Amino acid sequence: MKIYRFIQNYKVEILKEAFTLESGLNFLETAKISFFDINNNLIETKKYGVVQLQFIYEKIQKNEPLDLSRCYIKNFSLSDYRKSNDLPANSKIDLLDFTAVDSIFESEKVIDFSLSNFTGSKANFSNTHFGLGNLSFLKSEFGDFKVLFKGTSYSEGNNTFQYVKFKNGNVNFDNSTFENGNLSFVNTYFGDGNSSFKNIHFGNGDVSFAFSTFNKGNITFDKSIFNGDEVSFSKVDFGSGKVDFRRVVFGDGKIDFEEISLAPKNKLVFRRANFGSSSVSFNEAHLEGCSVDFEEAEFKNGKLNFFKLTAQSLSLNHCFLNCNIDMRIDDCHTIDLSQSIVHNIIDLNPGLSNMNIYELNLSGVRNMGDIFIAWDDNHVLDLISNQKKTTLHEKAEQFRLLKEEFRDTGRYLDEDVAYVYFKRYELKSEYEFAKEKGILALLLFMPNFIFQRLVFDKVGLYATNPFRVLLSIVVVNFIFSLIYTFFYSDMNALTCMDNSVDLIDKILGNLYFSAITFFTVGYGDCSPVGLFKLLAPIEGFVGVFLMSYFTVAFVRKILR
């Protein structure tokens, strides 16, 4: 029943009155049990039939179906059963069609189902409360049928499901509640069935699924809550089903998904999950061909580790990233950080990992921290240019984001390159926009497009390269001198030039005139005639413009 999710403690009173089950079975005593919440408020009072252990053990010995629903069972122990029947300590005990729906188990030591073999067609513990004492299903086995622990609740003892084999039936722990005891599914085998841990409150104890194996079924922890100091899924083989941790709250404990594995073409989903202030590790996770999705997840000020991870895609879009993220992965086709808020450090610097990445999506990222990335070492141009789902404008904005990041961290050479590609993709975006508006808009935009492409880009790489501007100055000067040379005539002439001199002297003389015109020196010893009167002012304007351009680019370099 749903009320068990809130049980903090309970009180048992044994009444000397008969109790009859729905099956017609009669018991001499009744257990009156009062359940209390964390504030010691009474939740509910219920009555149960008090079952003697001898009755249960006789049923087991005869291999008869065992239905303990709505019963109170104290000190149940298969270890004691083995001793009383002179059975080896490691012998399996068959439990046929075991049913304990809405029951109460408690023990002064251990509620012991260890080495049990659940046979028949069912095993049902739904809505049962495991109270005082530790609980052990160590090395138990369940047949190819549904195994139901849904709605179960557990007191503060430790709960062990280590080395359990669930074979191929579905396993259901939905809506269960654990208190402060530790929970262990270490080396548990879940077979081919679906495994459901939806809406579970795992309490304040540690939870471990380390080394567990899942096969073909789907696995879901939707809306579950972990509050323990350590939650471990280390080295878990999740098989070939979908793995769903969406809307899970992990608390402030250490979260360990190191060296997990999942069959190719599957999904590992953490959408809208909430991670606490401790570390979350996917170190060396083997997720080849799989997608890992953290969409809209929230990370507090801990550390998120993807060191040496291998996956097809890693999505952290629309996330709140207040943690330090080690993203030095080994192999991942696509990393998506779009629309996320970065408050701490994202480390993408290659080093000990391979960093084989094809796409890195940073569109819409609000960066209030630092993104450690290197233009050449990380092949940033390819990471952004390779994106197939982003527009030219979104690519431009990503280059702008990185340009600002490089500037803030003093990597000015990388900043210059990022700025150039920001302007180039911005211009391409404007061109495509004009093209979409129609032929007239495109024709009106073309002069602006050609000017920016030729002058701002080719001449000086958007004022990031003063030496390129200086080379352009020399080239332009020489071009004008050649025009003066080869278009020289009686109508178009220079007053300081004699047409009878040889070609070399003409070129040198015209180069002199071109230089004093370009740099607006104006000695007055030489003046243009004819159409050269129109050409000379144009050269003077170009000279003023390029000198200003050079000054801007040069000062920009010096001031940094």
Protein backbone atom coordinates (compact mmCIF):
# COMPACT_ATOMS: atom_id res chain seq x y z
CA MET A 1 0.00 0.00 0.00
CA LYS A 2 1.11 3.53 -0.73
CA ILE A 3 1.18 4.53 2.95
CA TYR A 4 4.33 2.44 3.47
CA ARG A 5 6.33 5.03 1.61
CA PHE A 6 6.08 7.22 4.69
CA ILE A 7 6.69 4.66 7.45
CA GLN A 8 9.47 5.72 9.83
CA ASN A 9 8.71 3.29 12.66
CA TYR A 10 5.96 1.02 13.92
CA LYS A 11 4.68 -0.59 17.11
CA VAL A 12 3.55 -4.23 17.45
CA GLU A 13 0.95 -5.44 19.94
CA ILE A 14 0.11 -9.18 20.03
CA LEU A 15 -3.57 -9.83 20.82
CA LYS A 16 -4.96 -13.13 22.06
CA GLU A 17 -7.66 -13.18 19.44
CA ALA A 18 -8.15 -15.27 16.32
CA PHE A 19 -7.39 -13.95 12.84
CA THR A 20 -8.82 -15.40 9.64
CA LEU A 21 -7.24 -14.81 6.24
CA GLU A 22 -9.20 -14.40 3.02
CA SER A 23 -8.09 -17.90 2.11
CA GLY A 24 -9.94 -19.19 5.18
CA LEU A 25 -6.76 -20.01 7.11
CA ASN A 26 -7.12 -19.33 10.87
CA PHE A 27 -4.47 -18.12 13.32
CA LEU A 28 -4.76 -18.08 17.09
CA GLU A 29 -3.17 -14.66 17.57
CA THR A 30 -3.51 -11.25 15.95
CA ALA A 31 -0.79 -8.63 15.56
CA LYS A 32 -2.07 -5.09 15.95
CA ILE A 33 0.50 -2.85 14.27
CA SER A 34 0.55 0.94 14.42
CA PHE A 35 2.60 2.76 11.76
CA PHE A 36 4.17 6.18 12.43
CA ASP A 37 5.75 8.81 10.19
CA ILE A 38 9.03 10.69 10.73
CA ASN A 39 7.31 13.08 13.15
CA ASN A 40 5.93 10.15 15.16
CA ASN A 41 2.42 10.83 13.93
CA LEU A 42 0.14 7.82 13.59
CA ILE A 43 -0.38 6.87 9.96
CA GLU A 44 -2.58 3.81 10.32
CA THR A 45 -3.32 0.86 12.56
CA LYS A 46 -3.82 -2.55 10.95
CA LYS A 47 -4.24 -6.14 12.07
CA TYR A 48 -2.32 -9.15 10.81
CA GLY A 49 -2.40 -12.86 11.46
CA VAL A 50 0.51 -14.07 13.60
CA VAL A 51 2.18 -16.97 11.81
CA GLN A 52 4.29 -19.50 13.69
CA LEU A 53 7.59 -20.38 12.05
CA GLN A 54 6.92 -24.10 12.39
CA PHE A 55 3.88 -23.72 10.13
CA ILE A 56 6.00 -22.01 7.47
CA TYR A 57 8.86 -24.51 7.75
CA GLU A 58 6.49 -27.47 7.38
CA LYS A 59 5.08 -25.95 4.18
CA ILE A 60 8.61 -25.51 2.85
CA GLN A 61 9.57 -29.06 3.76
CA LYS A 62 6.53 -30.44 1.94
CA ASN A 63 7.25 -28.14 -1.05
CA GLU A 64 3.72 -26.75 -0.88
CA PRO A 65 2.68 -23.30 -2.17
CA LEU A 66 3.21 -20.72 0.54
CA ASP A 67 0.89 -17.72 0.90
CA LEU A 68 1.75 -15.42 3.84
CA SER A 69 -0.30 -12.43 2.69
CA ARG A 70 -1.54 -10.16 5.50
CA CYS A 71 0.61 -12.05 8.01
CA TYR A 72 3.07 -11.02 10.71
CA ILE A 73 6.22 -13.15 10.54
CA LYS A 74 8.97 -12.81 13.12
CA ASN A 75 12.50 -14.25 12.94
CA PHE A 76 12.04 -15.94 9.57
CA SER A 77 15.38 -17.56 8.72
CA LEU A 78 16.29 -20.15 6.12
CA SER A 79 19.65 -20.58 7.87
CA ASP A 80 17.80 -21.70 11.01
CA TYR A 81 15.63 -23.95 8.83
CA ARG A 82 18.74 -25.66 7.44
CA LYS A 83 20.17 -26.19 10.91
CA SER A 84 16.95 -27.64 12.29
CA ASN A 85 16.74 -30.04 9.34
CA ASP A 86 20.46 -30.92 9.30
CA LEU A 87 20.90 -29.48 5.80
CA PRO A 88 24.23 -28.18 4.46
CA ALA A 89 24.74 -24.47 5.09
CA ASN A 90 25.03 -23.78 1.36
CA SER A 91 22.03 -25.83 0.23
CA LYS A 92 19.27 -24.23 -1.82
CA ILE A 93 15.78 -24.10 -0.31
CA ASP A 94 12.82 -24.26 -2.70
CA LEU A 95 9.97 -21.80 -2.09
CA LEU A 96 6.99 -22.71 -4.27
CA ASP A 97 4.69 -19.88 -5.46
CA PHE A 98 5.82 -17.73 -2.56
CA THR A 99 3.36 -14.92 -1.81
CA ALA A 100 3.57 -12.34 0.97
CA VAL A 101 1.34 -9.43 -0.07
CA ASP A 102 0.80 -6.69 2.52
CA SER A 103 2.72 -8.61 5.18
CA ILE A 104 5.17 -7.73 7.95
CA PHE A 105 8.59 -9.38 8.40
CA GLU A 106 10.86 -8.55 11.30
CA SER A 107 13.73 -10.22 13.11
CA GLU A 108 16.00 -9.72 16.08
CA LYS A 109 18.90 -10.45 13.72
CA VAL A 110 18.33 -11.14 10.02
CA ILE A 111 15.24 -11.72 7.91
CA ASP A 112 16.97 -14.51 6.06
CA PHE A 113 15.95 -15.59 2.55
CA SER A 114 19.55 -16.40 1.59
CA LEU A 115 20.10 -19.22 -0.92
CA SER A 116 16.37 -19.50 -1.54
CA ASN A 117 15.10 -20.89 -4.84
CA PHE A 118 11.77 -19.36 -5.81
CA THR A 119 9.94 -21.84 -8.03
CA GLY A 120 6.50 -22.21 -9.55
CA SER A 121 4.82 -19.32 -11.35
CA LYS A 122 5.22 -16.31 -9.05
CA ALA A 123 7.08 -14.57 -6.26
CA ASN A 124 5.10 -11.68 -4.81
CA PHE A 125 6.14 -9.41 -1.92
CA SER A 126 3.99 -6.44 -2.97
CA ASN A 127 3.26 -3.83 -0.26
CA THR A 128 5.12 -5.85 2.37
CA HIS A 129 7.08 -4.13 5.12
CA PHE A 130 10.48 -5.50 6.16
CA GLY A 131 10.86 -4.10 9.64
CA LEU A 132 13.32 -4.64 12.46
CA GLY A 133 16.52 -6.45 11.49
CA ASN A 134 18.66 -6.79 8.39
CA LEU A 135 17.26 -8.39 5.23
CA SER A 136 19.16 -10.92 3.14
CA PHE A 137 18.28 -12.50 -0.23
CA LEU A 138 21.95 -13.42 -0.73
CA LYS A 139 22.44 -15.83 -3.68
CA SER A 140 18.72 -16.38 -4.11
CA GLU A 141 17.23 -17.42 -7.46
CA PHE A 142 13.91 -16.57 -9.08
CA GLY A 143 12.33 -18.46 -11.96
CA ASP A 144 11.11 -17.17 -15.33
CA PHE A 145 8.16 -15.25 -13.89
CA LYS A 146 7.29 -11.84 -12.55
CA VAL A 147 9.04 -10.93 -9.31
CA LEU A 148 7.11 -8.26 -7.44
CA PHE A 149 8.56 -6.09 -4.67
CA LYS A 150 6.47 -3.06 -5.64
CA GLY A 151 5.26 -0.89 -2.78
CA THR A 152 7.56 -2.61 -0.28
CA SER A 153 9.07 -0.66 2.58
CA TYR A 154 12.19 -1.28 4.63
CA SER A 155 13.33 -0.14 8.06
CA GLU A 156 16.84 0.90 9.00
CA GLY A 157 18.55 -2.47 8.59
CA ASN A 158 20.92 -3.34 5.74
CA ASN A 159 19.27 -4.99 2.73
CA THR A 160 21.24 -7.49 0.68
CA PHE A 161 20.34 -8.77 -2.80
CA GLN A 162 23.91 -9.71 -3.70
CA TYR A 163 24.45 -12.49 -6.26
CA VAL A 164 20.69 -12.85 -6.77
CA LYS A 165 19.57 -14.33 -10.10
CA PHE A 166 16.27 -13.05 -11.45
CA LYS A 167 16.56 -15.03 -14.69
CA ASN A 168 14.16 -13.90 -17.45
CA GLY A 169 11.09 -12.63 -15.62
CA ASN A 170 10.26 -8.96 -15.07
CA VAL A 171 11.46 -7.46 -11.78
CA ASN A 172 9.42 -4.70 -10.15
CA PHE A 173 10.43 -2.59 -7.13
CA ASP A 174 8.23 0.41 -8.03
CA ASN A 175 7.13 2.79 -5.25
CA SER A 176 9.30 1.15 -2.60
CA THR A 177 10.88 2.97 0.33
CA PHE A 178 14.21 2.28 2.03
CA GLU A 179 15.27 3.99 5.25
CA ASN A 180 18.84 4.49 6.44
CA GLY A 181 20.22 1.01 5.88
CA ASN A 182 22.55 0.18 3.00
CA LEU A 183 21.16 -1.57 -0.08
CA SER A 184 23.28 -3.92 -2.17
CA PHE A 185 22.56 -5.47 -5.56
CA VAL A 186 26.26 -6.25 -6.12
CA ASN A 187 26.81 -8.94 -8.77
CA THR A 188 23.07 -9.38 -9.24
CA TYR A 189 21.85 -10.95 -12.49
CA PHE A 190 18.61 -9.49 -13.89
CA GLY A 191 18.15 -11.71 -16.94
CA ASP A 192 16.18 -10.79 -20.05
CA GLY A 193 13.13 -9.26 -18.38
CA ASN A 194 12.41 -5.59 -17.72
CA SER A 195 13.69 -4.18 -14.43
CA SER A 196 11.66 -1.38 -12.89
CA PHE A 197 12.77 0.80 -9.97
CA LYS A 198 10.36 3.70 -10.56
CA ASN A 199 9.54 6.23 -7.89
CA ILE A 200 11.68 4.60 -5.20
CA HIS A 201 12.98 6.49 -2.18
CA PHE A 202 16.33 4.80 -1.53
CA GLY A 203 16.76 6.54 1.81
CA ASN A 204 19.98 7.77 3.40
CA GLY A 205 21.93 4.53 3.10
CA ASP A 206 24.46 3.65 0.43
CA VAL A 207 23.15 1.93 -2.71
CA SER A 208 25.28 -0.34 -4.86
CA PHE A 209 24.49 -2.13 -8.13
CA ALA A 210 28.21 -2.66 -8.84
CA PHE A 211 29.08 -5.52 -11.21
CA SER A 212 25.40 -6.29 -11.86
CA THR A 213 24.29 -7.66 -15.23
CA PHE A 214 21.20 -6.82 -17.26
CA ASN A 215 20.42 -8.48 -20.58
CA LYS A 216 17.66 -7.60 -23.05
CA GLY A 217 15.08 -5.84 -20.88
CA ASN A 218 14.58 -2.13 -20.31
CA ILE A 219 15.78 -0.63 -17.04
CA THR A 220 14.06 2.33 -15.42
CA PHE A 221 14.69 4.39 -12.28
CA ASP A 222 12.25 7.15 -13.23
CA LYS A 223 11.58 9.66 -10.38
CA SER A 224 13.62 7.70 -7.83
CA ILE A 225 15.51 9.46 -5.03
CA PHE A 226 19.00 8.60 -3.77
CA ASN A 227 20.16 10.31 -0.56
CA GLY A 228 23.05 8.07 0.48
CA ASP A 229 26.72 9.04 0.71
CA GLU A 230 27.56 6.69 -2.16
CA VAL A 231 25.53 5.41 -5.10
CA SER A 232 27.43 2.93 -7.22
CA PHE A 233 26.66 1.47 -10.65
CA SER A 234 30.34 0.78 -11.24
CA LYS A 235 31.10 -1.81 -13.93
CA VAL A 236 27.42 -2.58 -14.50
CA ASP A 237 26.57 -4.26 -17.80
CA PHE A 238 23.25 -2.66 -18.78
CA GLY A 239 22.73 -5.11 -21.63
CA SER A 240 20.78 -4.15 -24.74
CA GLY A 241 17.71 -2.41 -23.30
CA LYS A 242 16.96 1.27 -22.79
CA VAL A 243 18.29 2.65 -19.50
CA ASP A 244 16.16 5.40 -17.99
CA PHE A 245 17.20 7.62 -15.06
CA ARG A 246 15.00 10.56 -16.01
CA ARG A 247 13.82 12.89 -13.22
CA VAL A 248 15.99 11.05 -10.67
CA VAL A 249 17.27 13.00 -7.64
CA PHE A 250 20.77 11.84 -6.67
CA GLY A 251 21.36 13.95 -3.56
CA ASP A 252 24.83 15.03 -2.42
CA GLY A 253 26.50 11.63 -2.31
CA LYS A 254 29.17 10.28 -4.64
CA ILE A 255 27.65 8.90 -7.87
CA ASP A 256 29.67 6.22 -9.64
CA PHE A 257 28.96 5.01 -13.19
CA GLU A 258 32.60 4.15 -13.93
CA GLU A 259 33.31 1.52 -16.58
CA ILE A 260 29.65 0.79 -17.26
CA SER A 261 28.74 -0.82 -20.57
CA LEU A 262 25.69 -0.80 -22.84
CA ALA A 263 25.05 -2.55 -26.13
CA PRO A 264 25.34 -0.34 -29.27
CA LYS A 265 22.40 1.72 -30.59
CA ASN A 266 20.79 2.11 -27.16
CA LYS A 267 20.08 5.06 -24.91
CA LEU A 268 21.19 6.04 -21.43
CA VAL A 269 18.78 8.77 -20.32
CA PHE A 270 19.16 11.25 -17.43
CA ARG A 271 16.69 13.89 -18.63
CA ARG A 272 15.70 16.41 -15.95
CA ALA A 273 17.74 14.53 -13.35
CA ASN A 274 19.05 16.45 -10.37
CA PHE A 275 22.63 15.86 -9.23
CA GLY A 276 23.96 17.07 -5.89
CA SER A 277 27.20 18.73 -4.84
CA SER A 278 29.44 15.65 -4.86
CA SER A 279 31.19 13.90 -7.77
CA VAL A 280 29.48 12.09 -10.65
CA SER A 281 31.80 9.80 -12.58
CA PHE A 282 31.40 8.13 -16.00
CA ASN A 283 35.11 7.46 -16.15
CA GLU A 284 35.98 4.96 -18.92
CA ALA A 285 32.31 4.18 -19.62
CA HIS A 286 32.00 1.84 -22.63
CA LEU A 287 28.96 3.11 -24.52
CA GLU A 288 30.07 2.61 -28.12
CA GLY A 289 27.28 3.50 -30.54
CA CYS A 290 24.99 4.69 -27.71
CA SER A 291 23.49 8.07 -26.92
CA VAL A 292 23.80 9.57 -23.42
CA ASP A 293 21.14 12.19 -22.73
CA PHE A 294 21.22 14.70 -19.83
CA GLU A 295 18.73 17.15 -21.34
CA GLU A 296 17.51 19.73 -18.75
CA ALA A 297 19.51 18.06 -15.97
CA GLU A 298 20.83 20.17 -13.09
CA PHE A 299 24.30 19.82 -11.63
CA LYS A 300 25.38 21.55 -8.43
CA ASN A 301 28.92 22.46 -7.45
CA GLY A 302 30.48 19.01 -7.63
CA LYS A 303 32.48 17.38 -10.41
CA LEU A 304 31.18 15.58 -13.50
CA ASN A 305 33.73 13.19 -14.99
CA PHE A 306 33.58 11.84 -18.56
CA PHE A 307 37.29 11.01 -18.72
CA LYS A 308 37.97 8.41 -21.43
CA LEU A 309 34.26 7.87 -22.09
CA THR A 310 33.29 6.26 -25.40
CA ALA A 311 29.82 6.95 -26.87
CA GLN A 312 28.05 7.92 -30.07
CA SER A 313 26.59 11.12 -28.65
CA LEU A 314 26.62 13.02 -25.37
CA SER A 315 23.86 15.56 -24.84
CA LEU A 316 23.98 18.18 -22.07
CA ASN A 317 21.63 20.63 -23.75
CA HIS A 318 19.41 22.94 -21.68
CA CYS A 319 21.36 21.93 -18.55
CA PHE A 320 22.35 24.00 -15.53
CA LEU A 321 26.06 23.23 -15.21
CA ASN A 322 27.38 24.53 -11.92
CA CYS A 323 29.97 21.76 -11.69
CA ASN A 324 33.49 21.17 -12.93
CA ILE A 325 33.19 18.93 -16.02
CA ASP A 326 36.07 16.75 -17.16
CA MET A 327 35.15 16.19 -20.81
CA ARG A 328 38.45 14.66 -21.92
CA ILE A 329 36.65 11.79 -23.59
CA ASP A 330 38.17 9.12 -25.80
CA ASP A 331 35.62 8.86 -28.60
CA CYS A 332 32.29 10.62 -29.16
CA HIS A 333 30.79 11.62 -32.49
CA THR A 334 28.65 14.47 -31.12
CA ILE A 335 28.78 16.51 -27.92
CA ASP A 336 25.78 18.82 -27.49
CA LEU A 337 25.97 21.62 -24.91
CA SER A 338 23.42 23.85 -26.63
CA GLN A 339 21.30 26.25 -24.56
CA SER A 340 23.08 25.27 -21.34
CA ILE A 341 24.27 27.59 -18.59
CA VAL A 342 27.93 27.11 -17.66
CA HIS A 343 28.91 28.34 -14.19
CA ASN A 344 32.14 26.44 -13.70
CA ILE A 345 34.86 24.78 -15.81
CA ILE A 346 34.44 22.51 -18.83
CA ASP A 347 37.76 20.87 -19.64
CA LEU A 348 38.13 19.78 -23.27
CA ASN A 349 41.91 20.03 -23.45
CA PRO A 350 43.38 16.88 -25.01
CA GLY A 351 46.09 15.07 -23.13
CA LEU A 352 45.74 11.62 -21.65
CA SER A 353 42.60 10.89 -23.70
CA ASN A 354 42.16 10.52 -27.46
CA MET A 355 39.56 13.31 -27.87
CA ASN A 356 38.08 11.91 -31.08
CA ILE A 357 35.12 14.26 -31.53
CA TYR A 358 33.31 15.07 -34.78
CA GLU A 359 30.82 17.73 -33.62
CA LEU A 360 30.68 20.09 -30.63
CA ASN A 361 27.48 22.12 -30.39
CA LEU A 362 27.80 25.28 -28.26
CA SER A 363 24.89 27.21 -29.76
CA GLY A 364 22.99 29.28 -27.21
CA VAL A 365 25.43 28.51 -24.38
CA ARG A 366 25.58 31.15 -21.64
CA ASN A 367 29.14 30.94 -20.42
CA MET A 368 29.72 32.35 -16.94
CA GLY A 369 32.62 30.01 -16.27
CA ASP A 370 35.51 28.76 -18.41
CA ILE A 371 35.67 26.37 -21.36
CA PHE A 372 39.17 24.96 -21.66
CA ILE A 373 39.59 24.23 -25.36
CA ALA A 374 42.42 24.80 -27.86
CA TRP A 375 41.77 25.85 -31.47
CA ASP A 376 44.36 23.62 -33.13
CA ASP A 377 44.60 20.73 -30.66
CA ASN A 378 40.83 20.29 -30.51
CA HIS A 379 40.25 21.01 -34.23
CA VAL A 380 37.62 23.58 -33.28
CA LEU A 381 36.94 24.65 -36.88
CA ASP A 382 35.92 21.08 -37.79
CA LEU A 383 33.90 20.59 -34.59
CA ILE A 384 31.64 23.52 -35.47
CA SER A 385 31.73 23.35 -39.27
CA ASN A 386 30.73 19.66 -39.22
CA GLN A 387 27.42 20.40 -37.51
CA LYS A 388 24.48 19.40 -39.70
CA LYS A 389 21.61 20.56 -37.50
CA THR A 390 22.74 24.14 -36.80
CA THR A 391 22.28 27.20 -39.02
CA LEU A 392 25.05 29.45 -40.28
CA HIS A 393 23.99 32.05 -37.73
CA GLU A 394 24.23 29.50 -34.90
CA LYS A 395 27.69 28.48 -36.06
CA ALA A 396 28.73 32.15 -36.13
CA GLU A 397 27.49 32.61 -32.56
CA GLN A 398 29.50 29.59 -31.43
CA PHE A 399 32.68 31.08 -32.89
CA ARG A 400 31.81 34.35 -31.15
CA LEU A 401 31.39 32.51 -27.84
CA LEU A 402 34.79 30.87 -28.22
CA LYS A 403 36.36 34.17 -29.29
CA GLU A 404 35.22 35.71 -26.00
CA GLU A 405 36.39 32.66 -24.06
CA PHE A 406 39.86 32.83 -25.67
CA ARG A 407 40.06 36.56 -24.92
CA ASP A 408 39.08 36.13 -21.26
CA THR A 409 41.71 33.43 -20.76
CA GLY A 410 44.49 35.31 -22.60
CA ARG A 411 44.73 32.99 -25.63
CA TYR A 412 44.85 35.84 -28.13
CA LEU A 413 46.03 33.90 -31.19
CA ASP A 414 43.09 31.54 -30.81
CA GLU A 415 40.85 34.54 -30.22
CA ASP A 416 41.90 36.07 -33.55
CA VAL A 417 41.17 32.90 -35.50
CA ALA A 418 37.79 32.42 -33.80
CA TYR A 419 36.90 36.06 -34.53
CA VAL A 420 37.72 35.65 -38.23
CA TYR A 421 35.45 32.61 -38.53
CA PHE A 422 32.75 34.35 -36.53
CA LYS A 423 32.73 37.19 -39.08
CA ARG A 424 32.92 34.82 -42.04
CA TYR A 425 29.96 32.72 -40.90
CA GLU A 426 28.05 35.85 -39.94
CA LEU A 427 28.56 37.17 -43.49
CA LYS A 428 27.49 33.83 -44.97
CA SER A 429 24.38 33.91 -42.80
CA GLU A 430 23.50 37.41 -44.00
CA TYR A 431 24.05 36.28 -47.60
CA GLU A 432 21.69 33.31 -47.17
CA PHE A 433 19.11 35.57 -45.51
CA ALA A 434 19.24 38.02 -48.43
CA LYS A 435 19.01 35.11 -50.86
CA GLU A 436 15.86 33.85 -49.13
CA LYS A 437 14.25 37.30 -49.40
CA GLY A 438 14.55 37.30 -53.18
CA ILE A 439 16.73 38.34 -56.13
CA LEU A 440 16.35 42.09 -55.50
CA ALA A 441 17.48 41.82 -51.87
CA LEU A 442 20.42 39.66 -53.00
CA LEU A 443 21.51 42.19 -55.65
CA LEU A 444 21.33 45.02 -53.12
CA PHE A 445 23.38 43.00 -50.62
CA MET A 446 26.11 41.90 -53.09
CA PRO A 447 28.21 45.12 -52.95
CA ASN A 448 28.35 44.84 -49.16
CA PHE A 449 29.17 41.14 -49.40
CA ILE A 450 31.99 41.66 -51.93
CA PHE A 451 33.44 44.60 -49.99
CA GLN A 452 33.56 42.69 -46.70
CA ARG A 453 34.88 39.54 -48.33
CA LEU A 454 37.59 41.34 -50.30
CA VAL A 455 38.62 44.21 -48.04
CA PHE A 456 37.83 43.19 -44.45
CA ASP A 457 38.64 39.50 -44.86
CA LYS A 458 41.25 39.05 -47.57
CA VAL A 459 43.20 42.23 -46.92
CA GLY A 460 43.55 42.02 -43.14
CA LEU A 461 41.59 39.10 -41.73
CA TYR A 462 39.22 41.52 -39.97
CA ALA A 463 42.08 43.55 -38.46
CA THR A 464 43.66 40.55 -36.76
CA ASN A 465 46.79 40.46 -38.96
CA PRO A 466 48.68 43.79 -39.39
CA PHE A 467 51.40 42.11 -41.46
CA ARG A 468 48.80 41.00 -43.98
CA VAL A 469 47.52 44.59 -44.18
CA LEU A 470 51.10 45.80 -44.71
CA LEU A 471 51.58 43.30 -47.52
CA SER A 472 48.30 44.49 -49.05
CA ILE A 473 49.59 48.07 -48.93
CA VAL A 474 52.70 47.09 -50.90
CA VAL A 475 50.64 45.10 -53.43
CA VAL A 476 48.10 47.90 -53.95
CA ASN A 477 50.91 50.44 -54.40
CA PHE A 478 52.54 48.29 -57.02
CA ILE A 479 49.23 47.71 -58.85
CA PHE A 480 48.59 51.45 -59.14
CA SER A 481 52.14 52.03 -60.42
CA LEU A 482 51.56 49.43 -63.15
CA ILE A 483 48.31 51.17 -64.13
CA TYR A 484 50.17 54.45 -64.45
CA THR A 485 52.82 52.69 -66.53
CA PHE A 486 50.74 50.73 -69.02
CA PHE A 487 47.97 53.30 -69.49
CA TYR A 488 50.42 56.17 -69.98
CA SER A 489 49.69 58.30 -73.10
CA ASP A 490 49.74 61.88 -74.33
CA MET A 491 46.28 62.37 -72.83
CA ASN A 492 46.93 60.50 -69.57
CA ALA A 493 50.32 61.42 -68.16
CA LEU A 494 52.34 62.54 -65.18
CA THR A 495 54.15 65.90 -65.35
CA CYS A 496 57.31 64.48 -63.83
CA MET A 497 57.66 61.66 -66.31
CA ASP A 498 59.37 61.62 -69.73
CA ASN A 499 57.87 59.10 -72.16
CA SER A 500 61.27 58.57 -73.78
CA VAL A 501 62.82 56.77 -70.77
CA ASP A 502 63.02 52.98 -70.71
CA LEU A 503 60.40 50.70 -69.08
CA ILE A 504 62.30 50.17 -65.82
CA ASP A 505 62.67 53.90 -65.23
CA LYS A 506 58.98 54.37 -66.05
CA ILE A 507 57.96 51.74 -63.49
CA LEU A 508 60.23 53.23 -60.84
CA GLY A 509 59.01 56.76 -61.54
CA ASN A 510 55.37 55.70 -61.49
CA LEU A 511 56.01 53.73 -58.30
CA TYR A 512 57.34 56.93 -56.73
CA PHE A 513 54.23 58.87 -57.77
CA SER A 514 52.01 56.03 -56.59
CA ALA A 515 53.73 56.00 -53.17
CA ILE A 516 53.47 59.77 -52.53
CA THR A 517 49.84 59.66 -53.65
CA PHE A 518 49.00 56.55 -51.64
CA PHE A 519 50.58 57.93 -48.46
CA THR A 520 49.20 61.47 -49.24
CA VAL A 521 52.69 63.00 -48.96
CA GLY A 522 52.12 65.53 -51.78
CA TYR A 523 55.58 66.95 -52.57
CA GLY A 524 54.18 68.91 -55.52
CA ASP A 525 56.94 67.85 -57.90
CA CYS A 526 54.63 65.59 -59.89
CA SER A 527 50.97 65.91 -60.82
CA PRO A 528 48.53 63.76 -62.88
CA VAL A 529 47.07 64.72 -66.27
CA GLY A 530 43.90 63.41 -67.98
CA LEU A 531 42.15 60.41 -66.49
CA PHE A 532 44.97 60.04 -64.01
CA LYS A 533 43.41 63.04 -62.22
CA LEU A 534 40.50 60.72 -61.37
CA LEU A 535 42.69 57.73 -60.54
CA ALA A 536 45.07 59.57 -58.19
CA PRO A 537 42.38 60.68 -55.66
CA ILE A 538 41.02 57.13 -55.64
CA GLU A 539 44.48 55.86 -54.77
CA GLY A 540 44.79 58.52 -52.08
CA PHE A 541 41.52 57.37 -50.51
CA VAL A 542 42.59 53.71 -50.66
CA GLY A 543 45.87 54.68 -49.05
CA VAL A 544 44.20 56.53 -46.18
CA PHE A 545 41.82 53.60 -45.65
CA LEU A 546 44.53 50.92 -45.65
CA MET A 547 46.83 52.93 -43.41
CA SER A 548 43.99 53.35 -40.94
CA TYR A 549 43.26 49.65 -41.24
CA PHE A 550 46.92 48.89 -40.55
CA THR A 551 46.93 51.20 -37.55
CA VAL A 552 43.89 49.52 -36.03
CA ALA A 553 45.32 46.02 -36.56
CA PHE A 554 48.77 47.01 -35.29
CA VAL A 555 47.54 48.82 -32.19
CA ARG A 556 45.19 45.90 -31.42
CA LYS A 557 48.18 43.57 -31.38
CA ILE A 558 50.37 45.91 -29.32
CA LEU A 559 47.75 46.69 -26.69
CA ARG A 560 47.25 43.01 -25.95
